[in-house]
PDB file of N, CA and C in Angstrom:
ATOM      1  N   UNK A   1     127.629  89.324  97.124  1.00  0.00           N
ATOM      2  CA  UNK A   1     127.029  90.106  96.809  1.00  0.00           C
ATOM      3  C   UNK A   1     125.446  89.711  96.910  1.00  0.00           C
ATOM      4  N   UNK A   2     124.499  90.631  97.188  1.00  0.00           N
ATOM      5  CA  UNK A   2     123.254  90.603  97.437  1.00  0.00           C
ATOM      6  C   UNK A   2     122.433  90.037  96.060  1.00  0.00           C
ATOM      7  N   UNK A   3     121.839  88.909  95.852  1.00  0.00           N
ATOM      8  CA  UNK A   3     121.232  88.424  94.687  1.00  0.00           C
ATOM      9  C   UNK A   3     119.672  88.889  94.524  1.00  0.00           C
ATOM     10  N   UNK A   4     119.244  89.499  95.528  1.00  0.00           N
ATOM     11  CA  UNK A   4     117.902  89.878  95.509  1.00  0.00           C
ATOM     12  C   UNK A   4     117.851  91.166  94.722  1.00  0.00           C
ATOM     13  N   UNK A   5     117.001  91.211  93.627  1.00  0.00           N
ATOM     14  CA  UNK A   5     116.907  92.414  92.662  1.00  0.00           C
ATOM     15  C   UNK A   5     115.797  93.351  93.098  1.00  0.00           C
ATOM     16  N   UNK A   6     116.049  94.505  93.531  1.00  0.00           N
ATOM     17  CA  UNK A   6     114.967  95.534  94.105  1.00  0.00           C
ATOM     18  C   UNK A   6     114.629  96.562  93.101  1.00  0.00           C
ATOM     19  N   UNK A   7     113.482  97.245  93.419  1.00  0.00           N
ATOM     20  CA  UNK A   7     113.034  98.202  92.641  1.00  0.00           C
ATOM     21  C   UNK A   7     113.333  99.525  93.417  1.00  0.00           C
ATOM     22  N   UNK A   8     114.232 100.480  92.720  1.00  0.00           N
ATOM     23  CA  UNK A   8     114.886 101.375  93.248  1.00  0.00           C
ATOM     24  C   UNK A   8     114.538 102.647  92.889  1.00  0.00           C
ATOM     25  N   UNK A   9     113.919 103.687  93.708  1.00  0.00           N
ATOM     26  CA  UNK A   9     113.577 105.074  93.284  1.00  0.00           C
ATOM     27  C   UNK A   9     114.918 105.830  93.475  1.00  0.00           C
ATOM     28  N   UNK A  10     115.316 106.621  92.710  1.00  0.00           N
ATOM     29  CA  UNK A  10     116.566 107.509  92.763  1.00  0.00           C
ATOM     30  C   UNK A  10     115.925 108.933  92.725  1.00  0.00           C
ATOM     31  N   UNK A  11     115.970 109.590  93.980  1.00  0.00           N
ATOM     32  CA  UNK A  11     115.447 110.930  94.205  1.00  0.00           C
ATOM     33  C   UNK A  11     116.574 111.870  94.035  1.00  0.00           C
ATOM     34  N   UNK A  12     116.498 112.664  93.077  1.00  0.00           N
ATOM     35  CA  UNK A  12     117.511 113.631  92.696  1.00  0.00           C
ATOM     36  C   UNK A  12     118.545 112.968  91.653  1.00  0.00           C
ATOM     37  N   UNK A  13     117.787 112.120  90.802  1.00  0.00           N
ATOM     38  CA  UNK A  13     118.495 111.590  89.671  1.00  0.00           C
ATOM     39  C   UNK A  13     119.245 112.652  88.721  1.00  0.00           C
ATOM     40  N   UNK A  14     120.450 112.318  88.104  1.00  0.00           N
ATOM     41  CA  UNK A  14     121.073 113.361  87.278  1.00  0.00           C
ATOM     42  C   UNK A  14     121.555 112.602  86.021  1.00  0.00           C
ATOM     43  N   UNK A  15     121.791 113.282  84.900  1.00  0.00           N
ATOM     44  CA  UNK A  15     122.436 112.895  83.907  1.00  0.00           C
ATOM     45  C   UNK A  15     123.730 113.292  83.588  1.00  0.00           C
ATOM     46  N   UNK A  16     124.237 114.069  84.634  1.00  0.00           N
ATOM     47  CA  UNK A  16     125.568 114.415  84.814  1.00  0.00           C
ATOM     48  C   UNK A  16     126.528 113.384  85.225  1.00  0.00           C
ATOM     49  N   UNK A  17     127.300 112.675  84.574  1.00  0.00           N
ATOM     50  CA  UNK A  17     128.173 111.578  84.775  1.00  0.00           C
ATOM     51  C   UNK A  17     128.970 111.974  86.272  1.00  0.00           C
ATOM     52  N   UNK A  18     129.241 113.159  86.457  1.00  0.00           N
ATOM     53  CA  UNK A  18     130.139 113.345  87.748  1.00  0.00           C
ATOM     54  C   UNK A  18     129.294 113.264  88.989  1.00  0.00           C
ATOM     55  N   UNK A  19     127.950 113.324  88.829  1.00  0.00           N
ATOM     56  CA  UNK A  19     127.128 113.270  89.894  1.00  0.00           C
ATOM     57  C   UNK A  19     126.973 111.907  90.645  1.00  0.00           C
ATOM     58  N   UNK A  20     127.106 111.761  91.982  1.00  0.00           N
ATOM     59  CA  UNK A  20     127.023 110.535  92.632  1.00  0.00           C
ATOM     60  C   UNK A  20     125.729 109.890  92.301  1.00  0.00           C
ATOM     61  N   UNK A  21     124.612 110.498  92.324  1.00  0.00           N
ATOM     62  CA  UNK A  21     123.312 109.808  91.689  1.00  0.00           C
ATOM     63  C   UNK A  21     123.362 109.095  90.418  1.00  0.00           C
ATOM     64  N   UNK A  22     124.185 109.746  89.446  1.00  0.00           N
ATOM     65  CA  UNK A  22     124.204 109.133  88.269  1.00  0.00           C
ATOM     66  C   UNK A  22     125.020 107.861  88.392  1.00  0.00           C
ATOM     67  N   UNK A  23     126.083 107.921  89.070  1.00  0.00           N
ATOM     68  CA  UNK A  23     127.027 106.821  89.390  1.00  0.00           C
ATOM     69  C   UNK A  23     126.061 105.541  89.923  1.00  0.00           C
ATOM     70  N   UNK A  24     125.321 106.037  90.965  1.00  0.00           N
ATOM     71  CA  UNK A  24     124.331 105.165  91.558  1.00  0.00           C
ATOM     72  C   UNK A  24     123.566 104.460  90.660  1.00  0.00           C
ATOM     73  N   UNK A  25     122.823 105.072  89.849  1.00  0.00           N
ATOM     74  CA  UNK A  25     121.937 104.662  88.576  1.00  0.00           C
ATOM     75  C   UNK A  25     122.694 103.525  87.842  1.00  0.00           C
ATOM     76  N   UNK A  26     123.812 103.791  87.375  1.00  0.00           N
ATOM     77  CA  UNK A  26     124.729 102.810  86.714  1.00  0.00           C
ATOM     78  C   UNK A  26     124.898 101.694  87.488  1.00  0.00           C
ATOM     79  N   UNK A  27     125.588 101.945  88.536  1.00  0.00           N
ATOM     80  CA  UNK A  27     125.870 100.661  89.492  1.00  0.00           C
ATOM     81  C   UNK A  27     124.632  99.932  89.905  1.00  0.00           C
ATOM     82  N   UNK A  28     123.484 100.481  90.134  1.00  0.00           N
ATOM     83  CA  UNK A  28     122.456  99.838  90.538  1.00  0.00           C
ATOM     84  C   UNK A  28     121.756  98.773  89.484  1.00  0.00           C
ATOM     85  N   UNK A  29     121.827  99.514  88.116  1.00  0.00           N
ATOM     86  CA  UNK A  29     121.491  98.778  87.010  1.00  0.00           C
ATOM     87  C   UNK A  29     122.524  97.440  86.759  1.00  0.00           C
ATOM     88  N   UNK A  30     123.803  97.727  86.882  1.00  0.00           N
ATOM     89  CA  UNK A  30     124.910  96.657  86.714  1.00  0.00           C
ATOM     90  C   UNK A  30     124.553  95.588  87.810  1.00  0.00           C
ATOM     91  N   UNK A  31     124.034  95.936  88.923  1.00  0.00           N
ATOM     92  CA  UNK A  31     123.866  94.740  89.802  1.00  0.00           C
ATOM     93  C   UNK A  31     122.377  94.082  89.780  1.00  0.00           C
ATOM     94  N   UNK A  32     121.747  94.505  88.653  1.00  0.00           N
ATOM     95  CA  UNK A  32     120.357  94.077  88.244  1.00  0.00           C
ATOM     96  C   UNK A  32     119.271  94.566  88.985  1.00  0.00           C
ATOM     97  N   UNK A  33     119.193  95.690  89.508  1.00  0.00           N
ATOM     98  CA  UNK A  33     118.127  96.311  90.226  1.00  0.00           C
ATOM     99  C   UNK A  33     117.416  96.964  89.124  1.00  0.00           C
ATOM    100  N   UNK A  34     116.059  97.359  89.408  1.00  0.00           N
ATOM    101  CA  UNK A  34     115.034  98.086  88.443  1.00  0.00           C
ATOM    102  C   UNK A  34     115.401  99.444  88.925  1.00  0.00           C
ATOM    103  N   UNK A  35     115.629 100.449  88.112  1.00  0.00           N
ATOM    104  CA  UNK A  35     115.888 101.769  88.736  1.00  0.00           C
ATOM    105  C   UNK A  35     114.755 102.786  88.159  1.00  0.00           C
ATOM    106  N   UNK A  36     114.274 103.604  88.996  1.00  0.00           N
ATOM    107  CA  UNK A  36     113.226 104.415  88.704  1.00  0.00           C
ATOM    108  C   UNK A  36     113.678 105.882  89.103  1.00  0.00           C
ATOM    109  N   UNK A  37     114.593 106.452  88.123  1.00  0.00           N
ATOM    110  CA  UNK A  37     114.976 107.901  88.349  1.00  0.00           C
ATOM    111  C   UNK A  37     113.843 109.067  88.545  1.00  0.00           C
ATOM    112  N   UNK A  38     113.985 109.821  89.429  1.00  0.00           N
ATOM    113  CA  UNK A  38     112.965 110.885  89.572  1.00  0.00           C
ATOM    114  C   UNK A  38     113.740 112.156  89.268  1.00  0.00           C
ATOM    115  N   UNK A  39     113.179 113.086  88.367  1.00  0.00           N
ATOM    116  CA  UNK A  39     113.896 114.518  88.189  1.00  0.00           C
ATOM    117  C   UNK A  39     112.842 115.272  87.540  1.00  0.00           C
ATOM    118  N   UNK A  40     112.521 116.534  88.191  1.00  0.00           N
ATOM    119  CA  UNK A  40     111.405 117.266  87.476  1.00  0.00           C
ATOM    120  C   UNK A  40     111.647 117.478  86.050  1.00  0.00           C
ATOM    121  N   UNK A  41     112.820 117.650  85.570  1.00  0.00           N
ATOM    122  CA  UNK A  41     112.914 118.167  84.187  1.00  0.00           C
ATOM    123  C   UNK A  41     113.618 117.321  83.230  1.00  0.00           C
ATOM    124  N   UNK A  42     114.183 116.119  83.727  1.00  0.00           N
ATOM    125  CA  UNK A  42     114.891 115.094  82.795  1.00  0.00           C
ATOM    126  C   UNK A  42     113.751 114.126  82.136  1.00  0.00           C
ATOM    127  N   UNK A  43     113.875 113.560  80.820  1.00  0.00           N
ATOM    128  CA  UNK A  43     113.075 112.692  80.498  1.00  0.00           C
ATOM    129  C   UNK A  43     113.665 111.179  80.441  1.00  0.00           C
ATOM    130  N   UNK A  44     114.895 111.186  80.161  1.00  0.00           N
ATOM    131  CA  UNK A  44     115.613 109.951  80.127  1.00  0.00           C
ATOM    132  C   UNK A  44     116.798 110.121  80.643  1.00  0.00           C
ATOM    133  N   UNK A  45     117.681 109.147  81.387  1.00  0.00           N
ATOM    134  CA  UNK A  45     118.895 109.090  81.784  1.00  0.00           C
ATOM    135  C   UNK A  45     119.314 107.668  81.472  1.00  0.00           C
ATOM    136  N   UNK A  46     120.462 107.677  80.681  1.00  0.00           N
ATOM    137  CA  UNK A  46     120.998 106.317  80.274  1.00  0.00           C
ATOM    138  C   UNK A  46     119.936 105.297  79.704  1.00  0.00           C
ATOM    139  N   UNK A  47     119.203 105.917  78.977  1.00  0.00           N
ATOM    140  CA  UNK A  47     117.979 105.045  78.367  1.00  0.00           C
ATOM    141  C   UNK A  47     117.103 104.480  79.415  1.00  0.00           C
ATOM    142  N   UNK A  48     116.989 104.936  80.575  1.00  0.00           N
ATOM    143  CA  UNK A  48     116.147 104.611  81.433  1.00  0.00           C
ATOM    144  C   UNK A  48     115.006 105.714  81.768  1.00  0.00           C
ATOM    145  N   UNK A  49     113.912 105.630  81.421  1.00  0.00           N
ATOM    146  CA  UNK A  49     112.969 106.526  81.657  1.00  0.00           C
ATOM    147  C   UNK A  49     112.830 107.326  82.954  1.00  0.00           C
ATOM    148  N   UNK A  50     112.660 108.707  83.025  1.00  0.00           N
ATOM    149  CA  UNK A  50     112.764 109.525  84.153  1.00  0.00           C
ATOM    150  C   UNK A  50     111.280 109.658  84.524  1.00  0.00           C
ATOM    151  N   UNK A  51     110.961 109.652  85.790  1.00  0.00           N
ATOM    152  CA  UNK A  51     109.618 110.117  86.376  1.00  0.00           C
ATOM    153  C   UNK A  51     109.780 111.641  86.833  1.00  0.00           C
ATOM    154  N   UNK A  52     108.939 112.421  86.637  1.00  0.00           N
ATOM    155  CA  UNK A  52     108.945 113.876  86.881  1.00  0.00           C
ATOM    156  C   UNK A  52     108.853 114.120  88.438  1.00  0.00           C
ATOM    157  N   UNK A  53     107.930 113.154  89.173  1.00  0.00           N
ATOM    158  CA  UNK A  53     107.472 113.672  90.476  1.00  0.00           C
ATOM    159  C   UNK A  53     107.373 112.268  91.083  1.00  0.00           C
ATOM    160  N   UNK A  54     107.877 112.125  92.465  1.00  0.00           N
ATOM    161  CA  UNK A  54     107.639 110.942  93.303  1.00  0.00           C
ATOM    162  C   UNK A  54     106.289 110.485  93.315  1.00  0.00           C
ATOM    163  N   UNK A  55     105.021 111.370  93.298  1.00  0.00           N
ATOM    164  CA  UNK A  55     103.763 110.858  93.282  1.00  0.00           C
ATOM    165  C   UNK A  55     103.624 110.207  91.782  1.00  0.00           C
ATOM    166  N   UNK A  56     104.335 110.261  90.990  1.00  0.00           N
ATOM    167  CA  UNK A  56     104.030 109.662  89.710  1.00  0.00           C
ATOM    168  C   UNK A  56     104.615 108.184  89.705  1.00  0.00           C
ATOM    169  N   UNK A  57     105.271 107.714  90.775  1.00  0.00           N
ATOM    170  CA  UNK A  57     105.852 106.358  90.640  1.00  0.00           C
ATOM    171  C   UNK A  57     104.557 105.389  91.158  1.00  0.00           C
ATOM    172  N   UNK A  58     104.564 104.307  90.354  1.00  0.00           N
ATOM    173  CA  UNK A  58     103.312 103.563  90.548  1.00  0.00           C
ATOM    174  C   UNK A  58     104.102 102.023  90.959  1.00  0.00           C
ATOM    175  N   UNK A  59     103.337 101.489  91.603  1.00  0.00           N
ATOM    176  CA  UNK A  59     103.718 100.010  91.854  1.00  0.00           C
ATOM    177  C   UNK A  59     104.816  99.981  93.212  1.00  0.00           C
ATOM    178  N   UNK A  60     104.999  98.895  93.657  1.00  0.00           N
ATOM    179  CA  UNK A  60     105.796  98.837  95.015  1.00  0.00           C
ATOM    180  C   UNK A  60     107.132  99.159  94.811  1.00  0.00           C
ATOM    181  N   UNK A  61     107.734  99.637  95.810  1.00  0.00           N
ATOM    182  CA  UNK A  61     109.199 100.183  95.667  1.00  0.00           C
ATOM    183  C   UNK A  61     109.827  99.684  97.023  1.00  0.00           C
ATOM    184  N   UNK A  62     111.087  98.972  96.606  1.00  0.00           N
ATOM    185  CA  UNK A  62     111.834  98.366  97.898  1.00  0.00           C
ATOM    186  C   UNK A  62     112.645  99.495  98.430  1.00  0.00           C
ATOM    187  N   UNK A  63     113.283 100.434  97.613  1.00  0.00           N
ATOM    188  CA  UNK A  63     114.273 101.385  98.224  1.00  0.00           C
ATOM    189  C   UNK A  63     114.015 102.510  97.681  1.00  0.00           C
ATOM    190  N   UNK A  64     114.103 103.802  98.288  1.00  0.00           N
ATOM    191  CA  UNK A  64     114.243 105.016  97.921  1.00  0.00           C
ATOM    192  C   UNK A  64     115.718 105.454  98.295  1.00  0.00           C
ATOM    193  N   UNK A  65     116.687 106.017  97.369  1.00  0.00           N
ATOM    194  CA  UNK A  65     117.906 106.445  97.710  1.00  0.00           C
ATOM    195  C   UNK A  65     117.867 107.933  97.362  1.00  0.00           C
ATOM    196  N   UNK A  66     118.202 108.797  98.415  1.00  0.00           N
ATOM    197  CA  UNK A  66     117.881 110.011  98.431  1.00  0.00           C
ATOM    198  C   UNK A  66     119.239 110.761  98.025  1.00  0.00           C
ATOM    199  N   UNK A  67     119.300 111.749  96.807  1.00  0.00           N
ATOM    200  CA  UNK A  67     120.137 112.480  96.609  1.00  0.00           C
ATOM    201  C   UNK A  67     119.824 114.130  96.618  1.00  0.00           C
ATOM    202  N   UNK A  68     119.045 114.344  97.324  1.00  0.00           N
ATOM    203  CA  UNK A  68     118.382 115.743  97.488  1.00  0.00           C
ATOM    204  C   UNK A  68     118.715 116.205  98.875  1.00  0.00           C
ATOM    205  N   UNK A  69     119.096 117.286  99.228  1.00  0.00           N
ATOM    206  CA  UNK A  69     119.084 117.840 100.528  1.00  0.00           C
ATOM    207  C   UNK A  69     117.891 118.007 101.293  1.00  0.00           C
ATOM    208  N   UNK A  70     117.887 118.413 102.563  1.00  0.00           N
ATOM    209  CA  UNK A  70     116.699 118.556 103.397  1.00  0.00           C
ATOM    210  C   UNK A  70     115.779 119.680 102.901  1.00  0.00           C
ATOM    211  N   UNK A  71     116.365 120.672 102.325  1.00  0.00           N
ATOM    212  CA  UNK A  71     115.290 121.819 101.876  1.00  0.00           C
ATOM    213  C   UNK A  71     114.295 121.167 100.777  1.00  0.00           C
ATOM    214  N   UNK A  72     114.779 120.208 100.129  1.00  0.00           N
ATOM    215  CA  UNK A  72     113.785 119.669  99.154  1.00  0.00           C
ATOM    216  C   UNK A  72     113.068 118.468  99.636  1.00  0.00           C
ATOM    217  N   UNK A  73     113.892 117.524 100.384  1.00  0.00           N
ATOM    218  CA  UNK A  73     113.320 116.223 100.914  1.00  0.00           C
ATOM    219  C   UNK A  73     112.155 116.451 102.055  1.00  0.00           C
ATOM    220  N   UNK A  74     112.239 117.592 102.902  1.00  0.00           N
ATOM    221  CA  UNK A  74     111.462 117.836 103.792  1.00  0.00           C
ATOM    222  C   UNK A  74     109.936 117.891 103.258  1.00  0.00           C
ATOM    223  N   UNK A  75     109.878 118.600 102.166  1.00  0.00           N
ATOM    224  CA  UNK A  75     108.345 118.865 101.535  1.00  0.00           C
ATOM    225  C   UNK A  75     107.941 117.429 100.911  1.00  0.00           C
ATOM    226  N   UNK A  76     108.686 116.477 100.899  1.00  0.00           N
ATOM    227  CA  UNK A  76     108.355 115.198 100.143  1.00  0.00           C
ATOM    228  C   UNK A  76     107.858 114.276 101.158  1.00  0.00           C
ATOM    229  N   UNK A  77     107.580 114.595 102.462  1.00  0.00           N
ATOM    230  CA  UNK A  77     107.313 113.605 103.596  1.00  0.00           C
ATOM    231  C   UNK A  77     106.178 112.832 103.156  1.00  0.00           C
ATOM    232  N   UNK A  78     104.963 113.437 102.910  1.00  0.00           N
ATOM    233  CA  UNK A  78     103.583 113.017 102.581  1.00  0.00           C
ATOM    234  C   UNK A  78     103.824 112.043 101.351  1.00  0.00           C
ATOM    235  N   UNK A  79     104.405 112.444 100.376  1.00  0.00           N
ATOM    236  CA  UNK A  79     104.722 111.509  99.037  1.00  0.00           C
ATOM    237  C   UNK A  79     105.530 110.311  99.581  1.00  0.00           C
ATOM    238  N   UNK A  80     106.569 110.288 100.173  1.00  0.00           N
ATOM    239  CA  UNK A  80     107.411 109.279 100.409  1.00  0.00           C
ATOM    240  C   UNK A  80     106.435 108.220 101.380  1.00  0.00           C
ATOM    241  N   UNK A  81     105.741 108.746 102.424  1.00  0.00           N
ATOM    242  CA  UNK A  81     104.935 107.912 103.164  1.00  0.00           C
ATOM    243  C   UNK A  81     103.725 107.137 102.414  1.00  0.00           C
ATOM    244  N   UNK A  82     103.328 108.021 101.260  1.00  0.00           N
ATOM    245  CA  UNK A  82     102.367 107.335 100.441  1.00  0.00           C
ATOM    246  C   UNK A  82     102.848 106.199  99.546  1.00  0.00           C
ATOM    247  N   UNK A  83     104.153 106.461  99.036  1.00  0.00           N
ATOM    248  CA  UNK A  83     104.858 105.597  98.183  1.00  0.00           C
ATOM    249  C   UNK A  83     105.211 104.246  99.093  1.00  0.00           C
ATOM    250  N   UNK A  84     105.409 104.443 100.402  1.00  0.00           N
ATOM    251  CA  UNK A  84     105.687 103.473 101.274  1.00  0.00           C
ATOM    252  C   UNK A  84     106.748 102.388 100.914  1.00  0.00           C
ATOM    253  N   UNK A  85     107.900 102.754 100.772  1.00  0.00           N
ATOM    254  CA  UNK A  85     109.178 101.967 100.266  1.00  0.00           C
ATOM    255  C   UNK A  85     109.418 101.084 101.606  1.00  0.00           C
ATOM    256  N   UNK A  86     110.039  99.969 101.424  1.00  0.00           N
ATOM    257  CA  UNK A  86     110.450  99.413 102.619  1.00  0.00           C
ATOM    258  C   UNK A  86     111.614 100.142 103.363  1.00  0.00           C
ATOM    259  N   UNK A  87     112.554 100.865 102.613  1.00  0.00           N
ATOM    260  CA  UNK A  87     113.576 101.604 103.371  1.00  0.00           C
ATOM    261  C   UNK A  87     113.948 102.853 102.466  1.00  0.00           C
ATOM    262  N   UNK A  88     114.532 103.786 103.188  1.00  0.00           N
ATOM    263  CA  UNK A  88     114.891 104.992 102.423  1.00  0.00           C
ATOM    264  C   UNK A  88     116.406 105.171 102.854  1.00  0.00           C
ATOM    265  N   UNK A  89     117.401 105.398 101.729  1.00  0.00           N
ATOM    266  CA  UNK A  89     118.744 105.574 102.060  1.00  0.00           C
ATOM    267  C   UNK A  89     118.977 107.138 102.082  1.00  0.00           C
ATOM    268  N   UNK A  90     119.554 107.730 103.150  1.00  0.00           N
ATOM    269  CA  UNK A  90     119.939 109.261 102.896  1.00  0.00           C
ATOM    270  C   UNK A  90     121.264 109.098 102.672  1.00  0.00           C
ATOM    271  N   UNK A  91     121.807 109.470 101.660  1.00  0.00           N
ATOM    272  CA  UNK A  91     123.210 109.443 101.173  1.00  0.00           C
ATOM    273  C   UNK A  91     123.884 110.714 101.727  1.00  0.00           C
ATOM    274  N   UNK A  92     125.280 110.647 101.649  1.00  0.00           N
ATOM    275  CA  UNK A  92     125.951 111.853 102.161  1.00  0.00           C
ATOM    276  C   UNK A  92     125.660 112.996 101.759  1.00  0.00           C
ATOM    277  N   UNK A  93     125.038 113.990 102.544  1.00  0.00           N
ATOM    278  CA  UNK A  93     124.693 115.372 101.971  1.00  0.00           C
ATOM    279  C   UNK A  93     123.259 115.503 101.825  1.00  0.00           C
ATOM    280  N   UNK A  94     122.652 114.287 102.113  1.00  0.00           N
ATOM    281  CA  UNK A  94     121.176 114.175 101.967  1.00  0.00           C
ATOM    282  C   UNK A  94     120.343 113.997 103.308  1.00  0.00           C
ATOM    283  N   UNK A  95     121.187 113.989 104.312  1.00  0.00           N
ATOM    284  CA  UNK A  95     120.621 113.622 105.837  1.00  0.00           C
ATOM    285  C   UNK A  95     119.587 114.582 106.033  1.00  0.00           C
ATOM    286  N   UNK A  96     118.663 113.904 106.792  1.00  0.00           N
ATOM    287  CA  UNK A  96     117.335 114.884 107.155  1.00  0.00           C
ATOM    288  C   UNK A  96     116.778 113.913 108.330  1.00  0.00           C
ATOM    289  N   UNK A  97     117.349 114.439 109.650  1.00  0.00           N
ATOM    290  CA  UNK A  97     116.781 113.524 110.748  1.00  0.00           C
ATOM    291  C   UNK A  97     115.367 113.747 110.975  1.00  0.00           C
ATOM    292  N   UNK A  98     114.781 114.863 110.679  1.00  0.00           N
ATOM    293  CA  UNK A  98     113.459 115.178 110.943  1.00  0.00           C
ATOM    294  C   UNK A  98     112.454 114.237 109.981  1.00  0.00           C
ATOM    295  N   UNK A  99     112.817 114.224 108.665  1.00  0.00           N
ATOM    296  CA  UNK A  99     112.022 113.380 107.760  1.00  0.00           C
ATOM    297  C   UNK A  99     112.274 111.937 108.236  1.00  0.00           C
ATOM    298  N   UNK A 100     113.469 111.466 108.385  1.00  0.00           N
ATOM    299  CA  UNK A 100     113.782 110.177 108.770  1.00  0.00           C
ATOM    300  C   UNK A 100     112.887 109.729 110.154  1.00  0.00           C
ATOM    301  N   UNK A 101     112.856 110.581 111.029  1.00  0.00           N
ATOM    302  CA  UNK A 101     111.998 110.354 112.212  1.00  0.00           C
ATOM    303  C   UNK A 101     110.539 110.102 111.698  1.00  0.00           C
ATOM    304  N   UNK A 102     109.890 111.087 110.779  1.00  0.00           N
ATOM    305  CA  UNK A 102     108.702 110.791 110.319  1.00  0.00           C
ATOM    306  C   UNK A 102     108.507 109.509 109.657  1.00  0.00           C
ATOM    307  N   UNK A 103     109.398 109.180 108.776  1.00  0.00           N
ATOM    308  CA  UNK A 103     109.355 107.952 107.979  1.00  0.00           C
ATOM    309  C   UNK A 103     109.277 106.816 108.710  1.00  0.00           C
ATOM    310  N   UNK A 104     110.318 106.712 109.876  1.00  0.00           N
ATOM    311  CA  UNK A 104     110.505 105.728 110.778  1.00  0.00           C
ATOM    312  C   UNK A 104     109.009 105.483 111.376  1.00  0.00           C
ATOM    313  N   UNK A 105     108.371 106.445 111.940  1.00  0.00           N
ATOM    314  CA  UNK A 105     107.180 106.492 112.757  1.00  0.00           C
ATOM    315  C   UNK A 105     106.131 105.846 111.720  1.00  0.00           C
ATOM    316  N   UNK A 106     106.238 106.122 110.344  1.00  0.00           N
ATOM    317  CA  UNK A 106     105.340 105.401 109.576  1.00  0.00           C
ATOM    318  C   UNK A 106     105.650 103.979 109.142  1.00  0.00           C
ATOM    319  N   UNK A 107     106.635 103.598 109.694  1.00  0.00           N
ATOM    320  CA  UNK A 107     107.112 102.093 109.549  1.00  0.00           C
ATOM    321  C   UNK A 107     108.010 101.852 108.394  1.00  0.00           C
ATOM    322  N   UNK A 108     108.642 102.926 107.890  1.00  0.00           N
ATOM    323  CA  UNK A 108     109.643 102.895 106.797  1.00  0.00           C
ATOM    324  C   UNK A 108     111.144 102.763 107.339  1.00  0.00           C
ATOM    325  N   UNK A 109     111.746 101.907 107.162  1.00  0.00           N
ATOM    326  CA  UNK A 109     113.295 101.782 107.784  1.00  0.00           C
ATOM    327  C   UNK A 109     113.980 103.053 106.895  1.00  0.00           C
ATOM    328  N   UNK A 110     114.754 103.387 107.763  1.00  0.00           N
ATOM    329  CA  UNK A 110     115.762 104.593 107.242  1.00  0.00           C
ATOM    330  C   UNK A 110     117.116 104.322 107.746  1.00  0.00           C
ATOM    331  N   UNK A 111     118.073 104.704 106.873  1.00  0.00           N
ATOM    332  CA  UNK A 111     119.389 104.632 107.138  1.00  0.00           C
ATOM    333  C   UNK A 111     120.345 105.828 106.345  1.00  0.00           C
ATOM    334  N   UNK A 112     121.342 106.263 107.113  1.00  0.00           N
ATOM    335  CA  UNK A 112     122.121 107.152 106.507  1.00  0.00           C
ATOM    336  C   UNK A 112     123.355 106.433 106.171  1.00  0.00           C
ATOM    337  N   UNK A 113     123.635 106.369 104.799  1.00  0.00           N
ATOM    338  CA  UNK A 113     124.635 105.353 104.218  1.00  0.00           C
ATOM    339  C   UNK A 113     124.888 105.771 102.656  1.00  0.00           C
ATOM    340  N   UNK A 114     125.816 105.365 102.124  1.00  0.00           N
ATOM    341  CA  UNK A 114     126.216 105.688 100.699  1.00  0.00           C
ATOM    342  C   UNK A 114     125.784 104.479  99.789  1.00  0.00           C
ATOM    343  N   UNK A 115     124.840 104.740  99.005  1.00  0.00           N
ATOM    344  CA  UNK A 115     124.536 103.682  98.025  1.00  0.00           C
ATOM    345  C   UNK A 115     125.602 102.984  97.425  1.00  0.00           C
ATOM    346  N   UNK A 116     126.481 103.718  96.883  1.00  0.00           N
ATOM    347  CA  UNK A 116     127.616 103.267  96.138  1.00  0.00           C
ATOM    348  C   UNK A 116     128.277 102.408  96.833  1.00  0.00           C
ATOM    349  N   UNK A 117     128.795 102.675  98.140  1.00  0.00           N
ATOM    350  CA  UNK A 117     129.624 101.864  99.241  1.00  0.00           C
ATOM    351  C   UNK A 117     128.618 100.673  99.520  1.00  0.00           C
ATOM    352  N   UNK A 118     127.298 100.685  99.694  1.00  0.00           N
ATOM    353  CA  UNK A 118     126.569  99.570 100.051  1.00  0.00           C
ATOM    354  C   UNK A 118     126.630  98.496  98.930  1.00  0.00           C
ATOM    355  N   UNK A 119     126.471  99.183  97.533  1.00  0.00           N
ATOM    356  CA  UNK A 119     126.552  98.249  96.408  1.00  0.00           C
ATOM    357  C   UNK A 119     127.946  97.597  96.387  1.00  0.00           C
ATOM    358  N   UNK A 120     128.856  98.177  96.405  1.00  0.00           N
ATOM    359  CA  UNK A 120     130.371  97.628  96.229  1.00  0.00           C
ATOM    360  C   UNK A 120     130.810  96.708  97.220  1.00  0.00           C
ATOM    361  N   UNK A 121     130.058  96.830  98.482  1.00  0.00           N
ATOM    362  CA  UNK A 121     130.619  95.910  99.547  1.00  0.00           C
ATOM    363  C   UNK A 121     129.601  94.865  99.822  1.00  0.00           C
ATOM    364  N   UNK A 122     128.644  94.714  98.879  1.00  0.00           N
ATOM    365  CA  UNK A 122     127.691  93.732  99.006  1.00  0.00           C
ATOM    366  C   UNK A 122     126.508  93.656 100.190  1.00  0.00           C
ATOM    367  N   UNK A 123     126.520  95.097 100.619  1.00  0.00           N
ATOM    368  CA  UNK A 123     125.474  95.400 101.745  1.00  0.00           C
ATOM    369  C   UNK A 123     124.127  95.894 101.269  1.00  0.00           C
ATOM    370  N   UNK A 124     124.008  96.078 100.165  1.00  0.00           N
ATOM    371  CA  UNK A 124     122.896  96.729  99.454  1.00  0.00           C
ATOM    372  C   UNK A 124     121.737  95.968  99.829  1.00  0.00           C
TER     373      UNK A 124
END
């Protein structure tokens, strides 16, 4: 298991226990990572404060894990570049090749992967 603790932004966070983004939040916290959920309407998820907008995230970010589709994420390109995370994980269903190309060009590492699988297999 990776022992490095990261600051992880969850884009498309959910308070619905059936959603993969909710499961990721719990598993990230279980692995000791600092989680910053982003959702425009929620205030708290599992006792973790929620940020309403990506531009409201302050401080350095190691990873952004995406749980929103291309229809939403395409419009977040400038905010993601300004946030300057080390990497962005496009979870299944959140793939966006155009955005990934723009982020890669800006020096941000991108991968299409499942955060849950990465965590459970020690590859996060």
